[in-house]
Amino acid sequence: MMRLCCALITGLHVVLFAGLAGATESLGIPQLARDAMAYRVGNWESVGFVDGVEQTDVGHEATKWGPGKYCITITNTFVFNGVDIHATGIVGWDPQRKQLVEHWYSSDGTYATFCYSLDKKKNAWVGTFKRAFADGTIHEGESIVETKGKDEWEWHSSYAVDGKAHTIRTKNRRVK
């Protein structure tokens, strides 16, 4: 009787854990998207460049899994044009677009959405963004997040204002 109970309990655990292991796949989140988000989990320092000019203050990013590991949450602090900015983002999978989507809000009243395809370039999120400032100004452009190594990635964005090209870029290193 004791062996039968142990066998039943063991069998139940196998079924439950097997079901949990495949839960994200059954929700349609591809392994590539889960791996891309997992890479970003951790603490990072960044050096920013605005239109090619290196910013003097180092930025900080803390990224962690949301409950269930279906999305990541990011808190970011940096200085942009002399202003301390605190931003919060969430990244998750959009099954209709088949893209990773980031939504951001920041302490200066800015809201941004980034949509990234993962199949356009190896080790990169390639996409577009739309950023709305508190005064109603809108910037739209292209964006790419590229893995440069185990503990390093870069973000590049480009957009135009009144016909003039602009870029913002960061070099990011994992803090250990």
N, C-alpha and C. Protein backbone atom coordinates (compact mmCIF):
# COMPACT_ATOMS: atom_id res chain seq x y z
N MET A 1 0.83 -1.20 0.00
CA MET A 1 0.00 0.00 0.00
C MET A 1 0.87 1.25 0.00
N MET A 2 1.92 1.24 0.84
CA MET A 2 2.82 2.38 0.94
C MET A 2 3.51 2.62 -0.41
N ARG A 3 3.94 1.55 -1.09
CA ARG A 3 4.59 1.69 -2.40
C ARG A 3 3.62 2.28 -3.42
N LEU A 4 2.38 1.83 -3.38
CA LEU A 4 1.37 2.34 -4.31
C LEU A 4 1.15 3.83 -4.09
N CYS A 5 1.06 4.26 -2.83
CA CYS A 5 0.89 5.69 -2.52
C CYS A 5 2.08 6.50 -3.01
N CYS A 6 3.30 6.00 -2.76
CA CYS A 6 4.51 6.72 -3.21
C CYS A 6 4.54 6.81 -4.72
N ALA A 7 4.17 5.72 -5.39
CA ALA A 7 4.17 5.72 -6.85
C ALA A 7 3.14 6.72 -7.39
N LEU A 8 1.97 6.78 -6.78
CA LEU A 8 0.94 7.71 -7.22
C LEU A 8 1.37 9.16 -7.01
N ILE A 9 1.97 9.46 -5.85
CA ILE A 9 2.43 10.82 -5.54
C ILE A 9 3.54 11.21 -6.51
N THR A 10 4.50 10.30 -6.74
CA THR A 10 5.59 10.57 -7.67
C THR A 10 5.03 10.83 -9.07
N GLY A 11 4.09 10.00 -9.49
CA GLY A 11 3.47 10.18 -10.81
C GLY A 11 2.75 11.51 -10.92
N LEU A 12 2.06 11.90 -9.87
CA LEU A 12 1.35 13.18 -9.86
C LEU A 12 2.33 14.34 -9.98
N HIS A 13 3.45 14.28 -9.25
CA HIS A 13 4.47 15.33 -9.33
C HIS A 13 5.05 15.43 -10.74
N VAL A 14 5.32 14.30 -11.36
CA VAL A 14 5.86 14.30 -12.73
C VAL A 14 4.88 14.99 -13.67
N VAL A 15 3.60 14.66 -13.57
CA VAL A 15 2.58 15.27 -14.44
C VAL A 15 2.48 16.77 -14.17
N LEU A 16 2.44 17.16 -12.90
CA LEU A 16 2.33 18.58 -12.56
C LEU A 16 3.53 19.37 -13.04
N PHE A 17 4.74 18.88 -12.77
CA PHE A 17 5.95 19.62 -13.16
C PHE A 17 6.12 19.63 -14.67
N ALA A 18 5.75 18.57 -15.34
CA ALA A 18 5.83 18.56 -16.80
C ALA A 18 4.87 19.59 -17.38
N GLY A 19 3.69 19.70 -16.78
CA GLY A 19 2.72 20.70 -17.23
C GLY A 19 3.22 22.11 -17.01
N LEU A 20 3.86 22.37 -15.87
CA LEU A 20 4.40 23.69 -15.59
C LEU A 20 5.55 24.04 -16.51
N ALA A 21 6.39 23.06 -16.81
CA ALA A 21 7.55 23.32 -17.67
C ALA A 21 7.12 23.77 -19.06
N GLY A 22 6.01 23.24 -19.55
CA GLY A 22 5.55 23.62 -20.88
C GLY A 22 4.53 24.73 -20.88
N ALA A 23 4.23 25.31 -19.72
CA ALA A 23 3.16 26.30 -19.62
C ALA A 23 3.40 27.51 -20.51
N THR A 24 4.62 28.06 -20.51
CA THR A 24 4.85 29.25 -21.33
C THR A 24 4.77 28.91 -22.81
N GLU A 25 5.26 27.74 -23.21
CA GLU A 25 5.18 27.35 -24.61
C GLU A 25 3.72 27.21 -25.03
N SER A 26 2.89 26.65 -24.14
CA SER A 26 1.49 26.48 -24.50
C SER A 26 0.78 27.83 -24.62
N LEU A 27 1.32 28.86 -23.99
CA LEU A 27 0.73 30.19 -24.13
C LEU A 27 1.24 30.89 -25.40
N GLY A 28 2.10 30.22 -26.15
CA GLY A 28 2.56 30.78 -27.41
C GLY A 28 3.79 31.66 -27.31
N ILE A 29 4.46 31.67 -26.17
CA ILE A 29 5.67 32.48 -26.05
C ILE A 29 6.83 31.63 -26.54
N PRO A 30 7.41 31.98 -27.68
CA PRO A 30 8.48 31.15 -28.22
C PRO A 30 9.73 31.17 -27.35
N GLN A 31 10.49 30.09 -27.44
CA GLN A 31 11.72 29.98 -26.66
C GLN A 31 12.66 31.15 -26.95
N LEU A 32 12.75 31.58 -28.19
CA LEU A 32 13.61 32.71 -28.55
C LEU A 32 13.26 33.96 -27.76
N ALA A 33 11.96 34.22 -27.57
CA ALA A 33 11.51 35.39 -26.81
C ALA A 33 11.84 35.22 -25.33
N ARG A 34 11.62 34.03 -24.78
CA ARG A 34 11.94 33.79 -23.38
C ARG A 34 13.44 33.95 -23.14
N ASP A 35 14.25 33.43 -24.07
CA ASP A 35 15.71 33.55 -23.94
C ASP A 35 16.15 35.01 -24.03
N ALA A 36 15.54 35.77 -24.93
CA ALA A 36 15.89 37.19 -25.09
C ALA A 36 15.59 37.96 -23.81
N MET A 37 14.43 37.70 -23.22
CA MET A 37 14.08 38.38 -21.97
C MET A 37 14.99 37.92 -20.83
N ALA A 38 15.29 36.62 -20.76
CA ALA A 38 16.13 36.09 -19.69
C ALA A 38 17.51 36.73 -19.70
N TYR A 39 18.04 37.00 -20.88
CA TYR A 39 19.36 37.62 -20.97
C TYR A 39 19.41 38.96 -20.24
N ARG A 40 18.34 39.72 -20.32
CA ARG A 40 18.31 41.06 -19.73
C ARG A 40 18.14 41.06 -18.22
N VAL A 41 17.72 39.94 -17.62
CA VAL A 41 17.51 39.89 -16.17
C VAL A 41 18.85 40.11 -15.46
N GLY A 42 18.85 41.07 -14.54
CA GLY A 42 20.05 41.38 -13.77
C GLY A 42 20.19 42.88 -13.59
N ASN A 43 21.36 43.29 -13.13
CA ASN A 43 21.66 44.70 -12.93
C ASN A 43 22.70 45.14 -13.94
N TRP A 44 22.49 46.34 -14.49
CA TRP A 44 23.33 46.84 -15.56
C TRP A 44 23.72 48.30 -15.30
N GLU A 45 24.89 48.68 -15.80
CA GLU A 45 25.31 50.08 -15.86
C GLU A 45 25.41 50.45 -17.33
N SER A 46 25.08 51.70 -17.63
CA SER A 46 25.11 52.11 -19.03
C SER A 46 25.77 53.48 -19.20
N VAL A 47 26.41 53.61 -20.34
CA VAL A 47 26.95 54.88 -20.78
C VAL A 47 26.12 55.30 -21.98
N GLY A 48 25.60 56.51 -21.95
CA GLY A 48 24.73 56.99 -23.02
C GLY A 48 25.45 57.93 -23.98
N PHE A 49 24.95 57.96 -25.20
CA PHE A 49 25.44 58.85 -26.25
C PHE A 49 24.24 59.48 -26.92
N VAL A 50 24.19 60.81 -26.93
CA VAL A 50 23.11 61.54 -27.59
C VAL A 50 23.72 62.25 -28.79
N ASP A 51 23.24 61.88 -29.97
CA ASP A 51 23.79 62.42 -31.23
C ASP A 51 25.32 62.31 -31.24
N GLY A 52 25.83 61.17 -30.74
CA GLY A 52 27.26 60.88 -30.76
C GLY A 52 28.04 61.44 -29.59
N VAL A 53 27.42 62.27 -28.75
CA VAL A 53 28.13 62.89 -27.63
C VAL A 53 27.93 62.02 -26.39
N GLU A 54 29.06 61.55 -25.81
CA GLU A 54 28.99 60.71 -24.62
C GLU A 54 28.48 61.52 -23.44
N GLN A 55 27.54 60.94 -22.70
CA GLN A 55 26.98 61.56 -21.52
C GLN A 55 27.89 61.27 -20.33
N THR A 56 28.03 62.20 -19.42
CA THR A 56 28.99 62.05 -18.33
C THR A 56 28.49 61.18 -17.19
N ASP A 57 27.19 61.09 -17.00
CA ASP A 57 26.63 60.31 -15.90
C ASP A 57 26.32 58.88 -16.34
N VAL A 58 26.64 57.93 -15.47
CA VAL A 58 26.37 56.52 -15.74
C VAL A 58 24.92 56.23 -15.37
N GLY A 59 24.23 55.49 -16.24
CA GLY A 59 22.87 55.07 -15.96
C GLY A 59 22.84 53.71 -15.29
N HIS A 60 21.72 53.37 -14.67
CA HIS A 60 21.58 52.09 -13.97
C HIS A 60 20.25 51.46 -14.35
N GLU A 61 20.28 50.15 -14.56
CA GLU A 61 19.07 49.41 -14.92
C GLU A 61 19.00 48.16 -14.06
N ALA A 62 17.83 47.90 -13.51
CA ALA A 62 17.56 46.66 -12.78
C ALA A 62 16.41 45.96 -13.48
N THR A 63 16.66 44.74 -13.92
CA THR A 63 15.67 43.98 -14.68
C THR A 63 15.37 42.68 -13.95
N LYS A 64 14.09 42.37 -13.81
CA LYS A 64 13.71 41.13 -13.15
C LYS A 64 12.48 40.54 -13.83
N TRP A 65 12.29 39.25 -13.60
CA TRP A 65 11.11 38.57 -14.12
C TRP A 65 9.86 39.05 -13.38
N GLY A 66 8.78 39.18 -14.10
CA GLY A 66 7.48 39.38 -13.49
C GLY A 66 6.98 38.03 -13.00
N PRO A 67 5.94 38.02 -12.17
CA PRO A 67 5.38 36.75 -11.69
C PRO A 67 5.02 35.84 -12.86
N GLY A 68 5.39 34.58 -12.78
CA GLY A 68 5.12 33.61 -13.83
C GLY A 68 6.16 33.56 -14.92
N LYS A 69 7.08 34.51 -14.92
CA LYS A 69 8.15 34.61 -15.93
C LYS A 69 7.60 34.71 -17.36
N TYR A 70 6.53 35.49 -17.52
CA TYR A 70 5.99 35.75 -18.85
C TYR A 70 6.40 37.12 -19.37
N CYS A 71 6.98 37.94 -18.50
CA CYS A 71 7.43 39.27 -18.89
C CYS A 71 8.56 39.68 -17.96
N ILE A 72 9.29 40.72 -18.35
CA ILE A 72 10.30 41.29 -17.46
C ILE A 72 9.91 42.72 -17.16
N THR A 73 10.31 43.15 -15.96
CA THR A 73 10.10 44.55 -15.58
C THR A 73 11.47 45.19 -15.45
N ILE A 74 11.55 46.45 -15.85
CA ILE A 74 12.82 47.16 -15.86
C ILE A 74 12.64 48.50 -15.17
N THR A 75 13.54 48.81 -14.25
CA THR A 75 13.61 50.16 -13.70
C THR A 75 14.95 50.74 -14.13
N ASN A 76 14.90 51.98 -14.53
CA ASN A 76 16.05 52.62 -15.14
C ASN A 76 16.23 54.00 -14.54
N THR A 77 17.45 54.37 -14.23
CA THR A 77 17.76 55.74 -13.82
C THR A 77 18.92 56.22 -14.69
N PHE A 78 18.80 57.46 -15.17
CA PHE A 78 19.82 58.03 -16.03
C PHE A 78 19.65 59.54 -16.07
N VAL A 79 20.63 60.22 -16.62
CA VAL A 79 20.55 61.66 -16.81
C VAL A 79 20.46 61.91 -18.30
N PHE A 80 19.44 62.68 -18.72
CA PHE A 80 19.26 63.00 -20.13
C PHE A 80 19.16 64.52 -20.26
N ASN A 81 20.08 65.08 -21.00
CA ASN A 81 20.14 66.54 -21.16
C ASN A 81 20.13 67.26 -19.81
N GLY A 82 20.88 66.72 -18.84
CA GLY A 82 21.02 67.35 -17.54
C GLY A 82 19.90 67.08 -16.56
N VAL A 83 18.92 66.26 -16.92
CA VAL A 83 17.77 65.99 -16.06
C VAL A 83 17.83 64.54 -15.58
N ASP A 84 17.70 64.34 -14.24
CA ASP A 84 17.62 62.98 -13.69
C ASP A 84 16.29 62.37 -14.09
N ILE A 85 16.35 61.20 -14.72
CA ILE A 85 15.14 60.52 -15.19
C ILE A 85 15.05 59.16 -14.50
N HIS A 86 13.85 58.83 -14.06
CA HIS A 86 13.54 57.50 -13.52
C HIS A 86 12.47 56.94 -14.43
N ALA A 87 12.72 55.75 -14.96
CA ALA A 87 11.79 55.15 -15.92
C ALA A 87 11.48 53.71 -15.52
N THR A 88 10.28 53.28 -15.85
CA THR A 88 9.85 51.91 -15.60
C THR A 88 9.28 51.34 -16.89
N GLY A 89 9.73 50.13 -17.21
CA GLY A 89 9.26 49.47 -18.42
C GLY A 89 8.84 48.05 -18.14
N ILE A 90 8.04 47.53 -19.03
CA ILE A 90 7.64 46.13 -18.98
C ILE A 90 7.78 45.59 -20.40
N VAL A 91 8.35 44.40 -20.51
CA VAL A 91 8.58 43.77 -21.81
C VAL A 91 7.88 42.43 -21.81
N GLY A 92 7.12 42.17 -22.86
CA GLY A 92 6.43 40.89 -23.00
C GLY A 92 6.21 40.55 -24.45
N TRP A 93 5.67 39.38 -24.68
CA TRP A 93 5.44 38.86 -26.02
C TRP A 93 4.06 39.23 -26.52
N ASP A 94 3.99 39.78 -27.74
CA ASP A 94 2.72 40.07 -28.40
C ASP A 94 2.51 38.98 -29.45
N PRO A 95 1.57 38.06 -29.21
CA PRO A 95 1.38 36.94 -30.13
C PRO A 95 0.80 37.34 -31.48
N GLN A 96 0.07 38.44 -31.54
CA GLN A 96 -0.48 38.87 -32.83
C GLN A 96 0.61 39.43 -33.73
N ARG A 97 1.48 40.25 -33.16
CA ARG A 97 2.58 40.84 -33.94
C ARG A 97 3.77 39.89 -34.07
N LYS A 98 3.83 38.90 -33.17
CA LYS A 98 4.97 38.01 -33.06
C LYS A 98 6.24 38.83 -32.80
N GLN A 99 6.12 39.70 -31.80
CA GLN A 99 7.21 40.60 -31.42
C GLN A 99 7.26 40.76 -29.91
N LEU A 100 8.46 41.11 -29.42
CA LEU A 100 8.57 41.59 -28.05
C LEU A 100 8.12 43.04 -28.06
N VAL A 101 7.35 43.42 -27.06
CA VAL A 101 6.85 44.80 -26.97
C VAL A 101 7.24 45.35 -25.60
N GLU A 102 7.81 46.56 -25.62
CA GLU A 102 8.18 47.27 -24.39
C GLU A 102 7.27 48.47 -24.25
N HIS A 103 6.76 48.69 -23.05
CA HIS A 103 6.01 49.92 -22.72
C HIS A 103 6.77 50.61 -21.59
N TRP A 104 7.03 51.90 -21.76
CA TRP A 104 7.81 52.67 -20.78
C TRP A 104 7.05 53.91 -20.32
N TYR A 105 7.25 54.26 -19.07
CA TYR A 105 6.80 55.54 -18.51
C TYR A 105 7.97 56.11 -17.73
N SER A 106 8.16 57.42 -17.79
CA SER A 106 9.29 58.01 -17.07
C SER A 106 8.88 59.25 -16.30
N SER A 107 9.77 59.64 -15.39
CA SER A 107 9.49 60.73 -14.46
C SER A 107 9.39 62.10 -15.13
N ASP A 108 9.80 62.23 -16.37
CA ASP A 108 9.66 63.50 -17.08
C ASP A 108 8.37 63.56 -17.89
N GLY A 109 7.48 62.57 -17.71
CA GLY A 109 6.20 62.57 -18.40
C GLY A 109 6.23 61.89 -19.75
N THR A 110 7.33 61.24 -20.09
CA THR A 110 7.45 60.57 -21.39
C THR A 110 6.85 59.17 -21.33
N TYR A 111 6.21 58.79 -22.41
CA TYR A 111 5.67 57.44 -22.60
C TYR A 111 6.26 56.92 -23.90
N ALA A 112 6.66 55.65 -23.92
CA ALA A 112 7.23 55.08 -25.15
C ALA A 112 6.81 53.63 -25.32
N THR A 113 6.69 53.23 -26.57
CA THR A 113 6.44 51.83 -26.93
C THR A 113 7.45 51.43 -27.99
N PHE A 114 8.10 50.31 -27.73
CA PHE A 114 9.06 49.72 -28.67
C PHE A 114 8.53 48.36 -29.09
N CYS A 115 8.57 48.05 -30.38
CA CYS A 115 8.14 46.75 -30.89
C CYS A 115 9.33 46.11 -31.61
N TYR A 116 9.74 44.93 -31.15
CA TYR A 116 10.95 44.29 -31.65
C TYR A 116 10.68 42.91 -32.25
N SER A 117 11.18 42.68 -33.45
CA SER A 117 11.20 41.35 -34.04
C SER A 117 12.51 40.69 -33.63
N LEU A 118 12.47 39.40 -33.41
CA LEU A 118 13.65 38.67 -32.98
C LEU A 118 14.28 37.84 -34.10
N ASP A 119 13.63 37.82 -35.26
CA ASP A 119 14.10 36.96 -36.35
C ASP A 119 14.77 37.72 -37.50
N LYS A 120 15.04 39.00 -37.33
CA LYS A 120 15.64 39.79 -38.40
C LYS A 120 17.16 39.79 -38.38
N LYS A 121 17.75 39.65 -37.18
CA LYS A 121 19.20 39.67 -37.02
C LYS A 121 19.56 38.81 -35.82
N LYS A 122 20.58 37.96 -35.97
CA LYS A 122 21.00 37.08 -34.88
C LYS A 122 21.44 37.90 -33.67
N ASN A 123 21.01 37.47 -32.48
CA ASN A 123 21.36 38.12 -31.21
C ASN A 123 20.93 39.58 -31.14
N ALA A 124 19.81 39.89 -31.75
CA ALA A 124 19.35 41.28 -31.75
C ALA A 124 17.82 41.35 -31.75
N TRP A 125 17.34 42.41 -31.11
CA TRP A 125 15.94 42.79 -31.18
C TRP A 125 15.89 43.96 -32.15
N VAL A 126 15.19 43.84 -33.26
CA VAL A 126 15.17 44.87 -34.29
C VAL A 126 13.75 45.41 -34.41
N GLY A 127 13.59 46.73 -34.33
CA GLY A 127 12.22 47.21 -34.40
C GLY A 127 12.06 48.70 -34.54
N THR A 128 10.90 49.15 -34.09
CA THR A 128 10.51 50.55 -34.20
C THR A 128 10.04 51.04 -32.84
N PHE A 129 9.94 52.36 -32.71
CA PHE A 129 9.44 52.92 -31.47
C PHE A 129 8.63 54.17 -31.74
N LYS A 130 7.82 54.50 -30.76
CA LYS A 130 7.07 55.76 -30.74
C LYS A 130 7.17 56.28 -29.32
N ARG A 131 7.68 57.51 -29.18
CA ARG A 131 7.87 58.14 -27.87
C ARG A 131 7.05 59.43 -27.84
N ALA A 132 6.23 59.59 -26.81
CA ALA A 132 5.40 60.78 -26.65
C ALA A 132 5.86 61.53 -25.41
N PHE A 133 6.17 62.79 -25.56
CA PHE A 133 6.61 63.63 -24.44
C PHE A 133 5.41 64.31 -23.80
N ALA A 134 5.59 64.81 -22.59
CA ALA A 134 4.50 65.43 -21.83
C ALA A 134 3.88 66.61 -22.57
N ASP A 135 4.67 67.31 -23.40
CA ASP A 135 4.13 68.46 -24.14
C ASP A 135 3.41 68.06 -25.43
N GLY A 136 3.32 66.74 -25.70
CA GLY A 136 2.62 66.25 -26.88
C GLY A 136 3.53 65.98 -28.08
N THR A 137 4.80 66.33 -27.99
CA THR A 137 5.75 66.04 -29.06
C THR A 137 5.89 64.53 -29.22
N ILE A 138 5.94 64.09 -30.46
CA ILE A 138 6.07 62.66 -30.76
C ILE A 138 7.36 62.43 -31.55
N HIS A 139 8.12 61.43 -31.15
CA HIS A 139 9.27 60.96 -31.94
C HIS A 139 8.99 59.52 -32.33
N GLU A 140 9.20 59.20 -33.60
CA GLU A 140 9.08 57.83 -34.07
C GLU A 140 10.34 57.48 -34.82
N GLY A 141 10.77 56.23 -34.68
CA GLY A 141 11.98 55.84 -35.37
C GLY A 141 12.26 54.36 -35.27
N GLU A 142 13.53 54.04 -35.49
CA GLU A 142 13.98 52.66 -35.47
C GLU A 142 14.83 52.42 -34.23
N SER A 143 14.84 51.17 -33.80
CA SER A 143 15.56 50.83 -32.59
C SER A 143 16.10 49.41 -32.71
N ILE A 144 17.26 49.17 -32.09
CA ILE A 144 17.83 47.83 -32.08
C ILE A 144 18.54 47.61 -30.74
N VAL A 145 18.35 46.43 -30.19
CA VAL A 145 19.05 45.98 -28.99
C VAL A 145 19.92 44.82 -29.45
N GLU A 146 21.25 44.96 -29.29
CA GLU A 146 22.18 43.93 -29.77
C GLU A 146 23.00 43.36 -28.61
N THR A 147 23.00 42.04 -28.51
CA THR A 147 23.84 41.35 -27.54
C THR A 147 25.27 41.38 -28.05
N LYS A 148 26.19 41.87 -27.23
CA LYS A 148 27.60 41.96 -27.62
C LYS A 148 28.46 40.92 -26.92
N GLY A 149 27.92 40.23 -25.98
CA GLY A 149 28.63 39.20 -25.22
C GLY A 149 27.78 38.78 -24.05
N LYS A 150 28.34 37.90 -23.22
CA LYS A 150 27.58 37.38 -22.09
C LYS A 150 27.09 38.49 -21.16
N ASP A 151 27.88 39.53 -20.99
CA ASP A 151 27.56 40.58 -20.03
C ASP A 151 27.57 41.97 -20.65
N GLU A 152 27.23 42.06 -21.92
CA GLU A 152 27.25 43.36 -22.58
C GLU A 152 26.23 43.40 -23.72
N TRP A 153 25.51 44.53 -23.79
CA TRP A 153 24.59 44.76 -24.90
C TRP A 153 24.54 46.24 -25.21
N GLU A 154 24.09 46.56 -26.42
CA GLU A 154 23.97 47.96 -26.84
C GLU A 154 22.56 48.21 -27.36
N TRP A 155 22.11 49.43 -27.12
CA TRP A 155 20.81 49.87 -27.64
C TRP A 155 21.06 51.08 -28.53
N HIS A 156 20.48 51.07 -29.71
CA HIS A 156 20.59 52.19 -30.65
C HIS A 156 19.19 52.59 -31.08
N SER A 157 18.94 53.89 -31.12
CA SER A 157 17.68 54.37 -31.69
C SER A 157 18.00 55.55 -32.59
N SER A 158 17.21 55.68 -33.63
CA SER A 158 17.38 56.80 -34.55
C SER A 158 16.01 57.32 -34.95
N TYR A 159 15.93 58.64 -35.12
CA TYR A 159 14.68 59.29 -35.47
C TYR A 159 15.01 60.64 -36.08
N ALA A 160 14.02 61.29 -36.65
CA ALA A 160 14.23 62.61 -37.24
C ALA A 160 13.24 63.61 -36.63
N VAL A 161 13.74 64.84 -36.44
CA VAL A 161 12.90 65.95 -35.99
C VAL A 161 13.14 67.10 -36.96
N ASP A 162 12.06 67.56 -37.59
CA ASP A 162 12.15 68.62 -38.58
C ASP A 162 13.20 68.32 -39.64
N GLY A 163 13.26 67.06 -40.06
CA GLY A 163 14.19 66.66 -41.11
C GLY A 163 15.62 66.42 -40.66
N LYS A 164 15.92 66.65 -39.39
CA LYS A 164 17.27 66.44 -38.89
C LYS A 164 17.36 65.09 -38.16
N ALA A 165 18.35 64.28 -38.54
CA ALA A 165 18.54 62.96 -37.94
C ALA A 165 19.11 63.06 -36.53
N HIS A 166 18.61 62.21 -35.63
CA HIS A 166 19.09 62.14 -34.26
C HIS A 166 19.31 60.68 -33.87
N THR A 167 20.24 60.48 -32.93
CA THR A 167 20.49 59.14 -32.42
C THR A 167 20.64 59.18 -30.90
N ILE A 168 20.20 58.11 -30.27
CA ILE A 168 20.46 57.88 -28.86
C ILE A 168 20.95 56.44 -28.78
N ARG A 169 22.01 56.24 -28.00
CA ARG A 169 22.58 54.90 -27.91
C ARG A 169 23.10 54.71 -26.49
N THR A 170 23.08 53.46 -26.04
CA THR A 170 23.70 53.13 -24.76
C THR A 170 24.56 51.89 -24.93
N LYS A 171 25.65 51.86 -24.18
CA LYS A 171 26.48 50.67 -24.03
C LYS A 171 26.23 50.18 -22.61
N ASN A 172 25.86 48.94 -22.46
CA ASN A 172 25.42 48.40 -21.18
C ASN A 172 26.27 47.22 -20.75
N ARG A 173 26.70 47.25 -19.50
CA ARG A 173 27.51 46.15 -18.93
C ARG A 173 26.85 45.65 -17.65
N ARG A 174 26.84 44.32 -17.52
CA ARG A 174 26.25 43.69 -16.34
C ARG A 174 27.09 44.06 -15.11
N VAL A 175 26.41 44.38 -14.02
CA VAL A 175 27.06 44.67 -12.74
C VAL A 175 27.06 43.37 -11.95
N LYS A 176 28.22 42.96 -11.50
CA LYS A 176 28.31 41.67 -10.77
C LYS A 176 28.48 41.89 -9.30
